[in-house]
């Protein structure tokens, strides 16, 4: 049975831990870490099988761990990912936006090769990455349009220099248009799907991203448009926000759980 270390005890990390604890994921949660000790203690209190709370994030990959699951932040990926691979553990990353930093991406790719370990990226809150990956060499354009309620966008770095007041938005409003690299920097907790899509397809500079604030929606909606020699792909995903964190779609959590299940199980593997 695979042994797991968990980095981040927020909405996603908690649901992954509960899925392991219930047996939905056939694994053992051995160690956890969160910057907030209170969050770590709160999570442990919900579990029948109590993991160890380690004193710092680098200790997560110590001992007989098979995989570290990151469910914390882009900064956590930058701080910890390399040491996990150097400790010869696999790594699952939820904060995929960190990988759009080319220097980090290249270092981690080389570390995977050197230490014979893998980095796993769940599909998250979107669908169709298997199709986009299949037509990568024939792609000519790739666009993501993400629509969320204004409250789901609050706290993003973008608003530090913008004069947009989210509380005053009364109708559907385009608040950002640019490439995936810009989107991930300015909306680090909202648009990891843009990073995934760009890594799968045309790269961060050639993947167009639009972010729309819609006060009359209760969904997080992602529309993907891909064109090329192969034809056209149009994908729409309407996600219910997680009740504990509206910035996170429920599908992102379910995707993480299924990806981890697939990692822990032998047998037939369907799709990506």
Protein backbone atom coordinates (compact mmCIF):
# COMPACT_ATOMS: atom_id res chain seq x y z
CA UNK A 1 0.00 0.00 0.00
CA UNK A 2 1.34 3.40 -1.02
CA UNK A 3 2.42 5.79 1.73
CA UNK A 4 1.50 9.46 1.28
CA UNK A 5 2.77 12.76 2.63
CA UNK A 6 0.41 15.74 2.36
CA UNK A 7 1.52 19.36 1.96
CA UNK A 8 -1.40 21.69 2.64
CA UNK A 9 -4.44 21.08 4.85
CA UNK A 10 -6.94 23.40 3.18
CA UNK A 11 -10.04 22.48 1.14
CA UNK A 12 -8.26 20.16 -1.32
CA UNK A 13 -5.82 18.63 1.17
CA UNK A 14 -8.60 17.91 3.66
CA UNK A 15 -10.74 16.10 1.10
CA UNK A 16 -7.78 14.03 -0.09
CA UNK A 17 -6.97 13.08 3.51
CA UNK A 18 -10.59 12.08 4.18
CA UNK A 19 -10.65 9.99 1.00
CA UNK A 20 -7.54 8.12 2.15
CA UNK A 21 -8.90 7.71 5.67
CA UNK A 22 -12.20 6.27 4.40
CA UNK A 23 -10.44 3.76 2.12
CA UNK A 24 -11.63 5.43 -1.09
CA UNK A 25 -7.96 5.87 -1.93
CA UNK A 26 -6.09 2.64 -1.09
CA UNK A 27 -3.14 4.30 0.64
CA UNK A 28 -1.83 5.34 4.04
CA UNK A 29 -1.49 9.00 5.01
CA UNK A 30 1.75 8.99 6.98
CA UNK A 31 2.77 12.65 7.37
CA UNK A 32 1.19 16.07 6.87
CA UNK A 33 2.32 19.68 6.99
CA UNK A 34 0.66 23.07 6.75
CA UNK A 35 2.05 26.52 7.53
CA UNK A 36 -0.85 26.82 9.95
CA UNK A 37 -0.45 24.38 12.83
CA UNK A 38 -4.12 24.94 13.61
CA UNK A 39 -5.06 23.69 10.13
CA UNK A 40 -2.90 20.61 10.60
CA UNK A 41 -4.44 19.86 14.00
CA UNK A 42 -7.95 20.44 12.68
CA UNK A 43 -7.38 17.95 9.87
CA UNK A 44 -5.91 15.30 12.16
CA UNK A 45 -8.92 15.62 14.47
CA UNK A 46 -11.17 14.52 11.57
CA UNK A 47 -9.20 11.34 10.81
CA UNK A 48 -9.48 7.90 12.35
CA UNK A 49 -5.93 7.02 11.31
CA UNK A 50 -3.77 9.84 12.65
CA UNK A 51 -0.80 10.97 10.51
CA UNK A 52 2.25 12.64 12.02
CA UNK A 53 2.40 16.44 11.79
CA UNK A 54 5.97 17.21 10.75
CA UNK A 55 7.76 20.37 11.83
CA UNK A 56 8.63 21.65 8.37
CA UNK A 57 7.66 20.95 4.77
CA UNK A 58 10.99 19.37 3.82
CA UNK A 59 10.44 16.57 6.35
CA UNK A 60 7.37 15.40 4.40
CA UNK A 61 9.56 13.44 1.99
CA UNK A 62 11.60 11.79 4.74
CA UNK A 63 11.16 8.15 5.74
CA UNK A 64 9.18 5.52 3.86
CA UNK A 65 6.98 7.88 1.84
CA UNK A 66 6.14 6.98 -1.77
CA UNK A 67 4.45 10.21 -2.85
CA UNK A 68 4.08 13.78 -1.59
CA UNK A 69 0.83 15.52 -2.54
CA UNK A 70 1.10 19.31 -2.79
CA UNK A 71 -2.19 21.10 -2.12
CA UNK A 72 -0.85 24.36 -0.70
CA UNK A 73 0.34 27.09 -3.09
CA UNK A 74 2.63 27.95 -5.97
CA UNK A 75 5.20 29.13 -3.46
CA UNK A 76 5.08 25.77 -1.71
CA UNK A 77 5.91 24.07 -5.00
CA UNK A 78 8.88 26.38 -5.51
CA UNK A 79 10.10 25.75 -1.96
CA UNK A 80 9.67 21.99 -1.69
CA UNK A 81 9.35 20.24 -5.08
CA UNK A 82 13.05 19.79 -5.77
CA UNK A 83 13.82 18.36 -2.32
CA UNK A 84 10.98 15.83 -2.71
CA UNK A 85 12.50 14.51 -5.94
CA UNK A 86 16.00 14.58 -4.48
CA UNK A 87 14.70 12.42 -1.63
CA UNK A 88 13.56 9.99 -4.34
CA UNK A 89 9.84 10.44 -3.82
CA UNK A 90 7.16 11.02 -6.44
CA UNK A 91 5.25 14.32 -6.35
CA UNK A 92 1.67 15.27 -7.21
CA UNK A 93 1.19 19.00 -7.80
CA UNK A 94 -2.12 20.86 -7.57
CA UNK A 95 -0.67 24.41 -7.78
CA UNK A 96 0.43 23.86 -11.37
CA UNK A 97 0.93 27.57 -12.03
CA UNK A 98 4.35 27.31 -10.37
CA UNK A 99 5.57 25.25 -13.33
CA UNK A 100 5.13 28.18 -15.73
CA UNK A 101 8.32 29.58 -14.24
CA UNK A 102 10.67 28.12 -16.87
CA UNK A 103 13.65 27.94 -14.54
CA UNK A 104 11.67 25.86 -12.03
CA UNK A 105 10.17 23.67 -14.74
CA UNK A 106 13.54 22.80 -16.25
CA UNK A 107 15.11 22.05 -12.85
CA UNK A 108 12.27 19.71 -11.92
CA UNK A 109 12.31 17.93 -15.28
CA UNK A 110 16.03 17.25 -14.88
CA UNK A 111 15.48 16.08 -11.29
CA UNK A 112 12.82 13.61 -12.44
CA UNK A 113 15.32 12.11 -14.87
CA UNK A 114 18.24 12.11 -12.44
CA UNK A 115 16.35 10.50 -9.54
CA UNK A 116 14.00 8.37 -11.67
CA UNK A 117 10.88 9.90 -10.10
CA UNK A 118 7.70 11.37 -11.56
CA UNK A 119 5.61 14.51 -11.18
CA UNK A 120 1.86 13.97 -11.50
CA UNK A 121 -0.51 16.76 -12.58
CA UNK A 122 -4.24 16.02 -12.17
CA UNK A 123 -6.63 17.45 -14.77
CA UNK A 124 -8.15 19.64 -12.08
CA UNK A 125 -11.23 21.70 -12.88
CA UNK A 126 -11.21 21.15 -16.65
CA UNK A 127 -11.77 18.26 -19.07
CA UNK A 128 -10.33 17.23 -22.40
CA UNK A 129 -6.60 17.43 -21.66
CA UNK A 130 -6.13 14.01 -23.25
CA UNK A 131 -7.54 15.35 -26.54
CA UNK A 132 -5.48 18.55 -26.40
CA UNK A 133 -2.35 16.52 -25.72
CA UNK A 134 -3.12 14.23 -28.66
CA UNK A 135 -3.36 17.12 -31.17
CA UNK A 136 -0.53 19.19 -29.70
CA UNK A 137 1.61 19.06 -32.85
CA UNK A 138 -1.27 20.29 -35.00
CA UNK A 139 -2.58 23.06 -32.71
CA UNK A 140 -2.74 26.56 -34.14
CA UNK A 141 -4.69 28.37 -31.41
CA UNK A 142 -5.76 27.60 -27.85
CA UNK A 143 -8.06 29.78 -25.72
CA UNK A 144 -9.47 29.47 -22.22
CA UNK A 145 -12.40 31.59 -21.07
CA UNK A 146 -13.02 31.29 -17.32
CA UNK A 147 -16.16 32.75 -15.74
CA UNK A 148 -16.54 33.03 -11.97
CA UNK A 149 -18.57 34.92 -9.41
CA UNK A 150 -16.69 38.07 -8.29
CA UNK A 151 -16.31 36.74 -4.75
CA UNK A 152 -14.32 33.78 -6.11
CA UNK A 153 -11.75 36.20 -7.53
CA UNK A 154 -11.22 38.29 -4.40
CA UNK A 155 -7.69 38.50 -3.06
CA UNK A 156 -5.98 37.94 -6.40
CA UNK A 157 -2.72 39.81 -6.99
CA UNK A 158 -4.31 41.39 -10.10
CA UNK A 159 -6.43 43.71 -7.94
CA UNK A 160 -3.41 45.22 -6.18
CA UNK A 161 -2.83 47.44 -9.22
CA UNK A 162 -6.30 47.40 -10.81
CA UNK A 163 -9.05 49.95 -10.19
CA UNK A 164 -11.74 47.29 -10.64
CA UNK A 165 -14.03 47.00 -7.62
CA UNK A 166 -15.43 43.48 -7.55
CA UNK A 167 -18.21 44.49 -5.15
CA UNK A 168 -19.55 47.01 -7.69
CA UNK A 169 -19.84 44.55 -10.60
CA UNK A 170 -23.54 44.09 -11.43
CA UNK A 171 -23.30 42.39 -14.84
CA UNK A 172 -20.96 40.05 -16.72
CA UNK A 173 -17.60 41.85 -17.00
CA UNK A 174 -14.34 40.89 -18.67
CA UNK A 175 -11.65 41.72 -16.12
CA UNK A 176 -8.58 40.12 -17.72
CA UNK A 177 -7.34 39.19 -21.17
CA UNK A 178 -3.80 38.00 -21.79
CA UNK A 179 -1.66 34.89 -21.97
CA UNK A 180 -1.51 31.99 -19.53
CA UNK A 181 1.80 33.14 -18.03
CA UNK A 182 0.30 36.52 -17.06
CA UNK A 183 -2.93 34.95 -15.81
CA UNK A 184 -1.18 32.53 -13.48
CA UNK A 185 0.98 35.29 -11.97
CA UNK A 186 -1.94 37.64 -11.40
CA UNK A 187 -4.52 35.05 -10.30
CA UNK A 188 -2.38 32.37 -8.58
CA UNK A 189 -5.27 30.81 -6.62
CA UNK A 190 -7.88 31.03 -9.37
CA UNK A 191 -6.50 29.92 -12.70
CA UNK A 192 -4.28 26.85 -12.32
CA UNK A 193 -6.34 25.39 -15.16
CA UNK A 194 -4.63 27.87 -17.50
CA UNK A 195 -1.25 26.48 -16.51
CA UNK A 196 -2.38 22.90 -17.12
CA UNK A 197 -3.82 23.79 -20.50
CA UNK A 198 -0.73 25.67 -21.62
CA UNK A 199 1.63 22.88 -20.50
CA UNK A 200 -0.49 20.41 -22.46
CA UNK A 201 -0.76 22.51 -25.61
CA UNK A 202 0.95 25.59 -27.03
CA UNK A 203 2.88 26.84 -24.01
CA UNK A 204 2.18 29.70 -21.64
CA UNK A 205 2.89 32.56 -24.06
CA UNK A 206 0.66 31.18 -26.81
CA UNK A 207 -2.33 30.13 -24.74
CA UNK A 208 -4.88 32.95 -24.58
CA UNK A 209 -6.78 33.43 -21.32
CA UNK A 210 -9.84 35.54 -20.57
CA UNK A 211 -11.30 35.88 -17.08
CA UNK A 212 -14.90 37.02 -16.69
CA UNK A 213 -16.66 38.09 -13.49
CA UNK A 214 -20.35 37.15 -13.49
CA UNK A 215 -22.37 38.17 -10.38
CA UNK A 216 -25.38 36.11 -11.49
CA UNK A 217 -23.65 32.73 -11.56
CA UNK A 218 -23.14 30.10 -8.89
CA UNK A 219 -20.74 28.07 -11.05
CA UNK A 220 -17.09 28.23 -12.09
CA UNK A 221 -17.24 27.83 -15.87
CA UNK A 222 -14.32 27.00 -18.16
CA UNK A 223 -14.67 27.18 -21.95
CA UNK A 224 -11.79 25.77 -23.99
CA UNK A 225 -11.43 26.44 -27.72
CA UNK A 226 -8.73 24.65 -29.73
CA UNK A 227 -8.19 24.99 -33.49
CA UNK A 228 -5.68 23.45 -35.87
CA UNK A 229 -5.01 21.10 -38.76
CA UNK A 230 -6.83 18.32 -36.87
CA UNK A 231 -10.09 20.33 -36.77
CA UNK A 232 -11.73 22.06 -33.80
CA UNK A 233 -12.32 21.19 -30.15
CA UNK A 234 -14.80 23.05 -27.93
CA UNK A 235 -15.15 22.05 -24.29
CA UNK A 236 -17.39 23.59 -21.63
CA UNK A 237 -17.18 22.62 -17.98
CA UNK A 238 -19.55 24.11 -15.40
CA UNK A 239 -18.18 23.46 -11.92
CA UNK A 240 -19.84 23.77 -8.55
CA UNK A 241 -17.48 25.70 -6.23
CA UNK A 242 -16.28 23.84 -3.18
CA UNK A 243 -18.41 25.01 -0.21
CA UNK A 244 -15.31 25.42 1.97
CA UNK A 245 -13.38 27.46 -0.60
CA UNK A 246 -15.25 29.11 -3.52
CA UNK A 247 -11.94 29.67 -5.33
CA UNK A 248 -11.71 25.89 -5.76
CA UNK A 249 -14.05 23.89 -7.99
CA UNK A 250 -15.45 20.63 -6.66
CA UNK A 251 -14.18 18.92 -9.82
CA UNK A 252 -10.59 19.89 -8.96
CA UNK A 253 -10.90 17.97 -5.69
CA UNK A 254 -12.54 14.95 -7.35
CA UNK A 255 -9.83 14.97 -10.01
CA UNK A 256 -7.12 14.94 -7.35
CA UNK A 257 -8.76 12.01 -5.56
CA UNK A 258 -9.16 9.98 -8.75
CA UNK A 259 -5.59 10.70 -9.87
CA UNK A 260 -4.29 9.53 -6.52
CA UNK A 261 -6.48 6.42 -6.70
CA UNK A 262 -5.04 5.65 -10.12
CA UNK A 263 -1.51 6.05 -8.75
CA UNK A 264 -2.25 3.61 -5.92
CA UNK A 265 -4.10 0.96 -7.92
CA UNK A 266 -2.86 -1.68 -10.32
CA UNK A 267 -4.98 -2.70 -13.28
CA UNK A 268 -6.63 -1.03 -16.26
CA UNK A 269 -5.96 2.69 -16.70
CA UNK A 270 -8.49 4.67 -18.76
CA UNK A 271 -7.46 7.94 -20.42
CA UNK A 272 -5.00 10.21 -18.64
